[in-house]
Amino acid sequence: NKKNEFLGYVYAHNQKYIEAKMVYEKISSDYVYI
């Protein structure tokens, strides 16, 4: 979850919005920073 949280953040700043959204959607709903 932590890896994908930051990976989505990096993708977004690199204007890879679709990839960022796909990565975020993999994070479990019980993640502390959901």
PDB file of all heavy atoms in Angstrom:
ATOM      1  N   ASN A   1       0.823  -1.217   0.000  1.00  0.00           N
ATOM      2  CA  ASN A   1       0.000   0.000   0.000  1.00  0.00           C
ATOM      3  C   ASN A   1       0.855   1.264   0.000  1.00  0.00           C
ATOM      4  O   ASN A   1       0.573   2.215  -0.722  1.00  0.00           O
ATOM      5  CB  ASN A   1      -0.938   0.003   1.205  1.00  0.00           C
ATOM      6  CG  ASN A   1      -2.052  -1.013   1.065  1.00  0.00           C
ATOM      7  OD1 ASN A   1      -2.474  -1.342  -0.037  1.00  0.00           O
ATOM      8  ND2 ASN A   1      -2.535  -1.526   2.192  1.00  0.00           N
ATOM      9  N   LYS A   2       1.885   1.250   0.848  1.00  0.00           N
ATOM     10  CA  LYS A   2       2.762   2.430   0.932  1.00  0.00           C
ATOM     11  C   LYS A   2       3.458   2.685  -0.401  1.00  0.00           C
ATOM     12  O   LYS A   2       3.538   3.829  -0.867  1.00  0.00           O
ATOM     13  CB  LYS A   2       3.805   2.207   2.034  1.00  0.00           C
ATOM     14  CG  LYS A   2       4.780   3.356   2.218  1.00  0.00           C
ATOM     15  CD  LYS A   2       4.060   4.597   2.709  1.00  0.00           C
ATOM     16  CE  LYS A   2       5.045   5.739   2.961  1.00  0.00           C
ATOM     17  NZ  LYS A   2       4.360   6.963   3.404  1.00  0.00           N
ATOM     18  N   LYS A   3       3.950   1.635  -1.014  1.00  0.00           N
ATOM     19  CA  LYS A   3       4.624   1.749  -2.308  1.00  0.00           C
ATOM     20  C   LYS A   3       3.675   2.333  -3.350  1.00  0.00           C
ATOM     21  O   LYS A   3       4.027   3.265  -4.084  1.00  0.00           O
ATOM     22  CB  LYS A   3       5.116   0.369  -2.751  1.00  0.00           C
ATOM     23  CG  LYS A   3       5.542   0.288  -4.210  1.00  0.00           C
ATOM     24  CD  LYS A   3       5.824  -1.138  -4.614  1.00  0.00           C
ATOM     25  CE  LYS A   3       6.045  -1.268  -6.111  1.00  0.00           C
ATOM     26  NZ  LYS A   3       6.331  -2.666  -6.511  1.00  0.00           N
ATOM     27  N   ASN A   4       2.456   1.817  -3.426  1.00  0.00           N
ATOM     28  CA  ASN A   4       1.513   2.279  -4.438  1.00  0.00           C
ATOM     29  C   ASN A   4       0.998   3.682  -4.147  1.00  0.00           C
ATOM     30  O   ASN A   4       0.680   4.440  -5.068  1.00  0.00           O
ATOM     31  CB  ASN A   4       0.342   1.301  -4.559  1.00  0.00           C
ATOM     32  CG  ASN A   4       0.737   0.051  -5.319  1.00  0.00           C
ATOM     33  OD1 ASN A   4       1.594   0.095  -6.197  1.00  0.00           O
ATOM     34  ND2 ASN A   4       0.117  -1.070  -4.979  1.00  0.00           N
ATOM     35  N   GLU A   5       0.931   4.031  -2.865  1.00  0.00           N
ATOM     36  CA  GLU A   5       0.529   5.402  -2.531  1.00  0.00           C
ATOM     37  C   GLU A   5       1.522   6.404  -3.114  1.00  0.00           C
ATOM     38  O   GLU A   5       1.129   7.415  -3.717  1.00  0.00           O
ATOM     39  CB  GLU A   5       0.441   5.591  -1.011  1.00  0.00           C
ATOM     40  CG  GLU A   5      -0.057   6.974  -0.623  1.00  0.00           C
ATOM     41  CD  GLU A   5       0.308   7.381   0.791  1.00  0.00           C
ATOM     42  OE1 GLU A   5       0.955   6.581   1.506  1.00  0.00           O
ATOM     43  OE2 GLU A   5      -0.027   8.528   1.173  1.00  0.00           O
ATOM     44  N   PHE A   6       2.811   6.108  -2.933  1.00  0.00           N
ATOM     45  CA  PHE A   6       3.808   7.048  -3.450  1.00  0.00           C
ATOM     46  C   PHE A   6       3.963   6.927  -4.961  1.00  0.00           C
ATOM     47  O   PHE A   6       4.169   7.929  -5.653  1.00  0.00           O
ATOM     48  CB  PHE A   6       5.160   6.834  -2.764  1.00  0.00           C
ATOM     49  CG  PHE A   6       6.147   7.920  -3.081  1.00  0.00           C
ATOM     50  CD1 PHE A   6       5.800   9.258  -2.942  1.00  0.00           C
ATOM     51  CD2 PHE A   6       7.422   7.623  -3.533  1.00  0.00           C
ATOM     52  CE1 PHE A   6       6.701  10.271  -3.241  1.00  0.00           C
ATOM     53  CE2 PHE A   6       8.327   8.625  -3.831  1.00  0.00           C
ATOM     54  CZ  PHE A   6       7.963   9.959  -3.681  1.00  0.00           C
ATOM     55  N   LEU A   7       3.836   5.705  -5.500  1.00  0.00           N
ATOM     56  CA  LEU A   7       3.961   5.524  -6.940  1.00  0.00           C
ATOM     57  C   LEU A   7       2.865   6.302  -7.679  1.00  0.00           C
ATOM     58  O   LEU A   7       3.123   6.943  -8.708  1.00  0.00           O
ATOM     59  CB  LEU A   7       3.890   4.041  -7.301  1.00  0.00           C
ATOM     60  CG  LEU A   7       4.118   3.677  -8.771  1.00  0.00           C
ATOM     61  CD1 LEU A   7       5.464   4.183  -9.260  1.00  0.00           C
ATOM     62  CD2 LEU A   7       4.008   2.168  -8.966  1.00  0.00           C
ATOM     63  N   GLY A   8       1.642   6.261  -7.147  1.00  0.00           N
ATOM     64  CA  GLY A   8       0.561   7.039  -7.749  1.00  0.00           C
ATOM     65  C   GLY A   8       0.843   8.531  -7.697  1.00  0.00           C
ATOM     66  O   GLY A   8       0.557   9.273  -8.645  1.00  0.00           O
ATOM     67  N   TYR A   9       1.427   8.965  -6.596  1.00  0.00           N
ATOM     68  CA  TYR A   9       1.784  10.379  -6.419  1.00  0.00           C
ATOM     69  C   TYR A   9       2.843  10.792  -7.444  1.00  0.00           C
ATOM     70  O   TYR A   9       2.748  11.877  -8.041  1.00  0.00           O
ATOM     71  CB  TYR A   9       2.314  10.547  -4.995  1.00  0.00           C
ATOM     72  CG  TYR A   9       2.449  11.960  -4.508  1.00  0.00           C
ATOM     73  CD1 TYR A   9       1.333  12.728  -4.223  1.00  0.00           C
ATOM     74  CD2 TYR A   9       3.716  12.519  -4.291  1.00  0.00           C
ATOM     75  CE1 TYR A   9       1.461  14.024  -3.740  1.00  0.00           C
ATOM     76  CE2 TYR A   9       3.853  13.810  -3.807  1.00  0.00           C
ATOM     77  CZ  TYR A   9       2.722  14.558  -3.532  1.00  0.00           C
ATOM     78  OH  TYR A   9       2.859  15.847  -3.062  1.00  0.00           O
ATOM     79  N   VAL A  10       3.834   9.938  -7.659  1.00  0.00           N
ATOM     80  CA  VAL A  10       4.890  10.216  -8.644  1.00  0.00           C
ATOM     81  C   VAL A  10       4.310  10.236 -10.054  1.00  0.00           C
ATOM     82  O   VAL A  10       4.600  11.128 -10.850  1.00  0.00           O
ATOM     83  CB  VAL A  10       6.022   9.171  -8.540  1.00  0.00           C
ATOM     84  CG1 VAL A  10       7.046   9.388  -9.663  1.00  0.00           C
ATOM     85  CG2 VAL A  10       6.710   9.269  -7.187  1.00  0.00           C
ATOM     86  N   TYR A  11       3.488   9.240 -10.380  1.00  0.00           N
ATOM     87  CA  TYR A  11       2.848   9.186 -11.696  1.00  0.00           C
ATOM     88  C   TYR A  11       2.063  10.469 -11.978  1.00  0.00           C
ATOM     89  O   TYR A  11       2.117  11.029 -13.070  1.00  0.00           O
ATOM     90  CB  TYR A  11       1.900   7.994 -11.786  1.00  0.00           C
ATOM     91  CG  TYR A  11       2.552   6.674 -12.111  1.00  0.00           C
ATOM     92  CD1 TYR A  11       1.982   5.468 -11.674  1.00  0.00           C
ATOM     93  CD2 TYR A  11       3.720   6.603 -12.849  1.00  0.00           C
ATOM     94  CE1 TYR A  11       2.561   4.245 -11.969  1.00  0.00           C
ATOM     95  CE2 TYR A  11       4.316   5.378 -13.137  1.00  0.00           C
ATOM     96  CZ  TYR A  11       3.725   4.210 -12.702  1.00  0.00           C
ATOM     97  OH  TYR A  11       4.304   3.003 -12.998  1.00  0.00           O
ATOM     98  N   ALA A  12       1.308  10.920 -10.978  1.00  0.00           N
ATOM     99  CA  ALA A  12       0.485  12.125 -11.153  1.00  0.00           C
ATOM    100  C   ALA A  12       1.349  13.336 -11.467  1.00  0.00           C
ATOM    101  O   ALA A  12       1.020  14.136 -12.356  1.00  0.00           O
ATOM    102  CB  ALA A  12      -0.350  12.374  -9.894  1.00  0.00           C
ATOM    103  N   HIS A  13       2.461  13.480 -10.765  1.00  0.00           N
ATOM    104  CA  HIS A  13       3.361  14.613 -11.021  1.00  0.00           C
ATOM    105  C   HIS A  13       4.063  14.488 -12.366  1.00  0.00           C
ATOM    106  O   HIS A  13       4.550  15.486 -12.911  1.00  0.00           O
ATOM    107  CB  HIS A  13       4.390  14.736  -9.893  1.00  0.00           C
ATOM    108  CG  HIS A  13       3.848  15.400  -8.666  1.00  0.00           C
ATOM    109  ND1 HIS A  13       3.036  14.731  -7.766  1.00  0.00           N
ATOM    110  CD2 HIS A  13       3.979  16.673  -8.191  1.00  0.00           C
ATOM    111  CE1 HIS A  13       2.700  15.565  -6.790  1.00  0.00           C
ATOM    112  NE2 HIS A  13       3.255  16.731  -7.018  1.00  0.00           N
ATOM    113  N   ASN A  14       4.112  13.285 -12.893  1.00  0.00           N
ATOM    114  CA  ASN A  14       4.708  13.062 -14.215  1.00  0.00           C
ATOM    115  C   ASN A  14       3.643  13.075 -15.307  1.00  0.00           C
ATOM    116  O   ASN A  14       3.905  12.666 -16.440  1.00  0.00           O
ATOM    117  CB  ASN A  14       5.438  11.717 -14.234  1.00  0.00           C
ATOM    118  CG  ASN A  14       6.619  11.723 -15.189  1.00  0.00           C
ATOM    119  OD1 ASN A  14       7.038  12.769 -15.687  1.00  0.00           O
ATOM    120  ND2 ASN A  14       7.168  10.550 -15.465  1.00  0.00           N
ATOM    121  N   GLN A  15       2.417  13.534 -14.935  1.00  0.00           N
ATOM    122  CA  GLN A  15       1.270  13.645 -15.838  1.00  0.00           C
ATOM    123  C   GLN A  15       0.863  12.296 -16.438  1.00  0.00           C
ATOM    124  O   GLN A  15       0.304  12.227 -17.530  1.00  0.00           O
ATOM    125  CB  GLN A  15       1.538  14.682 -16.939  1.00  0.00           C
ATOM    126  CG  GLN A  15       1.747  16.080 -16.399  1.00  0.00           C
ATOM    127  CD  GLN A  15       1.795  17.150 -17.472  1.00  0.00           C
ATOM    128  OE1 GLN A  15       1.334  16.957 -18.586  1.00  0.00           O
ATOM    129  NE2 GLN A  15       2.362  18.312 -17.136  1.00  0.00           N
ATOM    130  N   LYS A  16       1.094  11.223 -15.703  1.00  0.00           N
ATOM    131  CA  LYS A  16       0.610   9.893 -16.089  1.00  0.00           C
ATOM    132  C   LYS A  16      -0.650   9.610 -15.261  1.00  0.00           C
ATOM    133  O   LYS A  16      -0.661   8.786 -14.347  1.00  0.00           O
ATOM    134  CB  LYS A  16       1.678   8.839 -15.818  1.00  0.00           C
ATOM    135  CG  LYS A  16       2.974   9.033 -16.607  1.00  0.00           C
ATOM    136  CD  LYS A  16       3.987   7.943 -16.249  1.00  0.00           C
ATOM    137  CE  LYS A  16       5.283   8.103 -17.025  1.00  0.00           C
ATOM    138  NZ  LYS A  16       6.285   7.050 -16.662  1.00  0.00           N
ATOM    139  N   TYR A  17      -1.717  10.308 -15.596  1.00  0.00           N
ATOM    140  CA  TYR A  17      -2.904  10.300 -14.747  1.00  0.00           C
ATOM    141  C   TYR A  17      -3.618   8.951 -14.742  1.00  0.00           C
ATOM    142  O   TYR A  17      -4.108   8.509 -13.689  1.00  0.00           O
ATOM    143  CB  TYR A  17      -3.862  11.409 -15.185  1.00  0.00           C
ATOM    144  CG  TYR A  17      -3.216  12.776 -15.214  1.00  0.00           C
ATOM    145  CD1 TYR A  17      -3.379  13.623 -16.305  1.00  0.00           C
ATOM    146  CD2 TYR A  17      -2.437  13.212 -14.144  1.00  0.00           C
ATOM    147  CE1 TYR A  17      -2.775  14.881 -16.334  1.00  0.00           C
ATOM    148  CE2 TYR A  17      -1.836  14.464 -14.160  1.00  0.00           C
ATOM    149  CZ  TYR A  17      -2.005  15.294 -15.269  1.00  0.00           C
ATOM    150  OH  TYR A  17      -1.412  16.521 -15.294  1.00  0.00           O
ATOM    151  N   ILE A  18      -3.712   8.297 -15.879  1.00  0.00           N
ATOM    152  CA  ILE A  18      -4.386   7.000 -15.940  1.00  0.00           C
ATOM    153  C   ILE A  18      -3.630   5.969 -15.109  1.00  0.00           C
ATOM    154  O   ILE A  18      -4.217   5.216 -14.316  1.00  0.00           O
ATOM    155  CB  ILE A  18      -4.514   6.529 -17.404  1.00  0.00           C
ATOM    156  CG1 ILE A  18      -5.410   7.497 -18.187  1.00  0.00           C
ATOM    157  CG2 ILE A  18      -5.070   5.111 -17.469  1.00  0.00           C
ATOM    158  CD1 ILE A  18      -5.525   7.187 -19.661  1.00  0.00           C
ATOM    159  N   GLU A  19      -2.279   5.942 -15.283  1.00  0.00           N
ATOM    160  CA  GLU A  19      -1.463   5.015 -14.506  1.00  0.00           C
ATOM    161  C   GLU A  19      -1.581   5.287 -13.009  1.00  0.00           C
ATOM    162  O   GLU A  19      -1.641   4.356 -12.193  1.00  0.00           O
ATOM    163  CB  GLU A  19       0.002   5.094 -14.930  1.00  0.00           C
ATOM    164  CG  GLU A  19       0.284   4.607 -16.344  1.00  0.00           C
ATOM    165  CD  GLU A  19       0.203   5.733 -17.371  1.00  0.00           C
ATOM    166  OE1 GLU A  19      -0.557   6.702 -17.122  1.00  0.00           O
ATOM    167  OE2 GLU A  19       0.879   5.635 -18.404  1.00  0.00           O
ATOM    168  N   ALA A  20      -1.611   6.569 -12.648  1.00  0.00           N
ATOM    169  CA  ALA A  20      -1.723   6.947 -11.233  1.00  0.00           C
ATOM    170  C   ALA A  20      -3.031   6.433 -10.645  1.00  0.00           C
ATOM    171  O   ALA A  20      -3.064   5.868  -9.542  1.00  0.00           O
ATOM    172  CB  ALA A  20      -1.640   8.461 -11.092  1.00  0.00           C
ATOM    173  N   LYS A  21      -4.119   6.614 -11.380  1.00  0.00           N
ATOM    174  CA  LYS A  21      -5.426   6.172 -10.885  1.00  0.00           C
ATOM    175  C   LYS A  21      -5.459   4.647 -10.739  1.00  0.00           C
ATOM    176  O   LYS A  21      -5.982   4.118  -9.745  1.00  0.00           O
ATOM    177  CB  LYS A  21      -6.524   6.636 -11.830  1.00  0.00           C
ATOM    178  CG  LYS A  21      -7.924   6.328 -11.329  1.00  0.00           C
ATOM    179  CD  LYS A  21      -8.991   6.891 -12.251  1.00  0.00           C
ATOM    180  CE  LYS A  21     -10.383   6.545 -11.726  1.00  0.00           C
ATOM    181  NZ  LYS A  21     -11.448   7.066 -12.625  1.00  0.00           N
ATOM    182  N   MET A  22      -4.887   3.941 -11.713  1.00  0.00           N
ATOM    183  CA  MET A  22      -4.868   2.473 -11.655  1.00  0.00           C
ATOM    184  C   MET A  22      -4.093   1.983 -10.434  1.00  0.00           C
ATOM    185  O   MET A  22      -4.509   1.027  -9.759  1.00  0.00           O
ATOM    186  CB  MET A  22      -4.254   1.918 -12.940  1.00  0.00           C
ATOM    187  CG  MET A  22      -5.113   2.106 -14.174  1.00  0.00           C
ATOM    188  SD  MET A  22      -4.276   1.587 -15.697  1.00  0.00           S
ATOM    189  CE  MET A  22      -4.007  -0.154 -15.365  1.00  0.00           C
ATOM    190  N   VAL A  23      -2.973   2.633 -10.138  1.00  0.00           N
ATOM    191  CA  VAL A  23      -2.165   2.245  -8.974  1.00  0.00           C
ATOM    192  C   VAL A  23      -2.923   2.531  -7.679  1.00  0.00           C
ATOM    193  O   VAL A  23      -2.938   1.702  -6.762  1.00  0.00           O
ATOM    194  CB  VAL A  23      -0.815   2.995  -8.996  1.00  0.00           C
ATOM    195  CG1 VAL A  23      -0.114   2.875  -7.654  1.00  0.00           C
ATOM    196  CG2 VAL A  23       0.085   2.439 -10.101  1.00  0.00           C
ATOM    197  N   TYR A  24      -3.546   3.699  -7.595  1.00  0.00           N
ATOM    198  CA  TYR A  24      -4.299   4.049  -6.391  1.00  0.00           C
ATOM    199  C   TYR A  24      -5.436   3.054  -6.138  1.00  0.00           C
ATOM    200  O   TYR A  24      -5.741   2.722  -4.984  1.00  0.00           O
ATOM    201  CB  TYR A  24      -4.886   5.456  -6.525  1.00  0.00           C
ATOM    202  CG  TYR A  24      -3.914   6.568  -6.197  1.00  0.00           C
ATOM    203  CD1 TYR A  24      -3.885   7.742  -6.950  1.00  0.00           C
ATOM    204  CD2 TYR A  24      -3.054   6.477  -5.103  1.00  0.00           C
ATOM    205  CE1 TYR A  24      -3.008   8.765  -6.650  1.00  0.00           C
ATOM    206  CE2 TYR A  24      -2.180   7.495  -4.784  1.00  0.00           C
ATOM    207  CZ  TYR A  24      -2.160   8.644  -5.563  1.00  0.00           C
ATOM    208  OH  TYR A  24      -1.294   9.666  -5.249  1.00  0.00           O
ATOM    209  N   GLU A  25      -6.084   2.606  -7.200  1.00  0.00           N
ATOM    210  CA  GLU A  25      -7.232   1.707  -7.046  1.00  0.00           C
ATOM    211  C   GLU A  25      -6.827   0.315  -6.552  1.00  0.00           C
ATOM    212  O   GLU A  25      -7.681  -0.469  -6.152  1.00  0.00           O
ATOM    213  CB  GLU A  25      -7.989   1.611  -8.373  1.00  0.00           C
ATOM    214  CG  GLU A  25      -8.740   2.906  -8.708  1.00  0.00           C
ATOM    215  CD  GLU A  25      -9.399   2.878 -10.065  1.00  0.00           C
ATOM    216  OE1 GLU A  25      -9.021   2.015 -10.896  1.00  0.00           O
ATOM    217  OE2 GLU A  25     -10.293   3.719 -10.312  1.00  0.00           O
ATOM    218  N   LYS A  26      -5.532   0.014  -6.565  1.00  0.00           N
ATOM    219  CA  LYS A  26      -5.046  -1.264  -6.048  1.00  0.00           C
ATOM    220  C   LYS A  26      -4.887  -1.244  -4.527  1.00  0.00           C
ATOM    221  O   LYS A  26      -4.751  -2.298  -3.891  1.00  0.00           O
ATOM    222  CB  LYS A  26      -3.692  -1.611  -6.673  1.00  0.00           C
ATOM    223  CG  LYS A  26      -3.736  -1.887  -8.168  1.00  0.00           C
ATOM    224  CD  LYS A  26      -2.337  -2.181  -8.683  1.00  0.00           C
ATOM    225  CE  LYS A  26      -2.331  -2.428 -10.186  1.00  0.00           C
ATOM    226  NZ  LYS A  26      -0.941  -2.676 -10.680  1.00  0.00           N
ATOM    227  N   ILE A  27      -4.887  -0.056  -3.931  1.00  0.00           N
ATOM    228  CA  ILE A  27      -4.650   0.072  -2.486  1.00  0.00           C
ATOM    229  C   ILE A  27      -5.876  -0.408  -1.718  1.00  0.00           C
ATOM    230  O   ILE A  27      -7.017  -0.067  -2.057  1.00  0.00           O
ATOM    231  CB  ILE A  27      -4.315   1.532  -2.134  1.00  0.00           C
ATOM    232  CG1 ILE A  27      -3.002   1.939  -2.817  1.00  0.00           C
ATOM    233  CG2 ILE A  27      -4.220   1.736  -0.632  1.00  0.00           C
ATOM    234  CD1 ILE A  27      -2.630   3.397  -2.651  1.00  0.00           C
ATOM    235  N   SER A  28      -5.651  -1.167  -0.682  1.00  0.00           N
ATOM    236  CA  SER A  28      -6.754  -1.742   0.097  1.00  0.00           C
ATOM    237  C   SER A  28      -7.519  -0.656   0.852  1.00  0.00           C
ATOM    238  O   SER A  28      -6.957   0.362   1.256  1.00  0.00           O
ATOM    239  CB  SER A  28      -6.225  -2.791   1.077  1.00  0.00           C
ATOM    240  OG  SER A  28      -5.277  -2.222   1.964  1.00  0.00           O
ATOM    241  N   SER A  29      -8.797  -0.906   1.057  1.00  0.00           N
ATOM    242  CA  SER A  29      -9.680   0.092   1.665  1.00  0.00           C
ATOM    243  C   SER A  29      -9.380   0.333   3.141  1.00  0.00           C
ATOM    244  O   SER A  29      -9.816   1.341   3.702  1.00  0.00           O
ATOM    245  CB  SER A  29     -11.141  -0.343   1.506  1.00  0.00           C
ATOM    246  OG  SER A  29     -11.349  -1.605   2.126  1.00  0.00           O
ATOM    247  N   ASP A  30      -8.648  -0.577   3.770  1.00  0.00           N
ATOM    248  CA  ASP A  30      -8.334  -0.396   5.189  1.00  0.00           C
ATOM    249  C   ASP A  30      -6.968   0.267   5.401  1.00  0.00           C
ATOM    250  O   ASP A  30      -6.489   0.359   6.535  1.00  0.00           O
ATOM    251  CB  ASP A  30      -8.369  -1.733   5.923  1.00  0.00           C
ATOM    252  CG  ASP A  30      -7.377  -2.750   5.350  1.00  0.00           C
ATOM    253  OD1 ASP A  30      -6.819  -2.483   4.260  1.00  0.00           O
ATOM    254  OD2 ASP A  30      -7.167  -3.800   5.985  1.00  0.00           O
ATOM    255  N   TYR A  31      -6.350   0.740   4.323  1.00  0.00           N
ATOM    256  CA  TYR A  31      -5.058   1.421   4.434  1.00  0.00           C
ATOM    257  C   TYR A  31      -5.229   2.684   5.268  1.00  0.00           C
ATOM    258  O   TYR A  31      -6.225   3.419   5.122  1.00  0.00           O
ATOM    259  CB  TYR A  31      -4.528   1.766   3.042  1.00  0.00           C
ATOM    260  CG  TYR A  31      -3.203   2.493   3.014  1.00  0.00           C
ATOM    261  CD1 TYR A  31      -2.100   2.010   3.699  1.00  0.00           C
ATOM    262  CD2 TYR A  31      -3.055   3.687   2.295  1.00  0.00           C
ATOM    263  CE1 TYR A  31      -0.890   2.668   3.672  1.00  0.00           C
ATOM    264  CE2 TYR A  31      -1.840   4.353   2.251  1.00  0.00           C
ATOM    265  CZ  TYR A  31      -0.766   3.850   2.941  1.00  0.00           C
ATOM    266  OH  TYR A  31       0.447   4.511   2.909  1.00  0.00           O
ATOM    267  N   VAL A  32      -4.276   2.951   6.140  1.00  0.00           N
ATOM    268  CA  VAL A  32      -4.416   4.045   7.089  1.00  0.00           C
ATOM    269  C   VAL A  32      -4.574   5.407   6.405  1.00  0.00           C
ATOM    270  O   VAL A  32      -5.220   6.311   6.938  1.00  0.00           O
ATOM    271  CB  VAL A  32      -3.203   4.050   8.071  1.00  0.00           C
ATOM    272  CG1 VAL A  32      -1.917   4.358   7.327  1.00  0.00           C
ATOM    273  CG2 VAL A  32      -3.432   5.041   9.205  1.00  0.00           C
ATOM    274  N   TYR A  33      -4.025   5.553   5.205  1.00  0.00           N
ATOM    275  CA  TYR A  33      -4.138   6.834   4.493  1.00  0.00           C
ATOM    276  C   TYR A  33      -5.068   6.730   3.282  1.00  0.00           C
ATOM    277  O   TYR A  33      -4.866   7.388   2.281  1.00  0.00           O
ATOM    278  CB  TYR A  33      -2.756   7.323   4.054  1.00  0.00           C
ATOM    279  CG  TYR A  33      -1.939   7.847   5.218  1.00  0.00           C
ATOM    280  CD1 TYR A  33      -0.918   7.076   5.767  1.00  0.00           C
ATOM    281  CD2 TYR A  33      -2.224   9.084   5.777  1.00  0.00           C
ATOM    282  CE1 TYR A  33      -0.181   7.542   6.835  1.00  0.00           C
ATOM    283  CE2 TYR A  33      -1.492   9.555   6.849  1.00  0.00           C
ATOM    284  CZ  TYR A  33      -0.473   8.786   7.380  1.00  0.00           C
ATOM    285  OH  TYR A  33       0.244   9.250   8.450  1.00  0.00           O
ATOM    286  N   ILE A  34      -6.107   5.922   3.409  1.00  0.00           N
ATOM    287  CA  ILE A  34      -7.046   5.751   2.298  1.00  0.00           C
ATOM    288  C   ILE A  34      -7.788   7.055   1.989  1.00  0.00           C
ATOM    289  O   ILE A  34      -8.234   7.280   0.853  1.00  0.00           O
ATOM    290  CB  ILE A  34      -8.064   4.617   2.621  1.00  0.00           C
ATOM    291  CG1 ILE A  34      -8.847   4.235   1.360  1.00  0.00           C
ATOM    292  CG2 ILE A  34      -8.969   5.029   3.767  1.00  0.00           C
ATOM    293  CD1 ILE A  34      -8.008   3.690   0.242  1.00  0.00           C
TER     294      ILE A  34
END
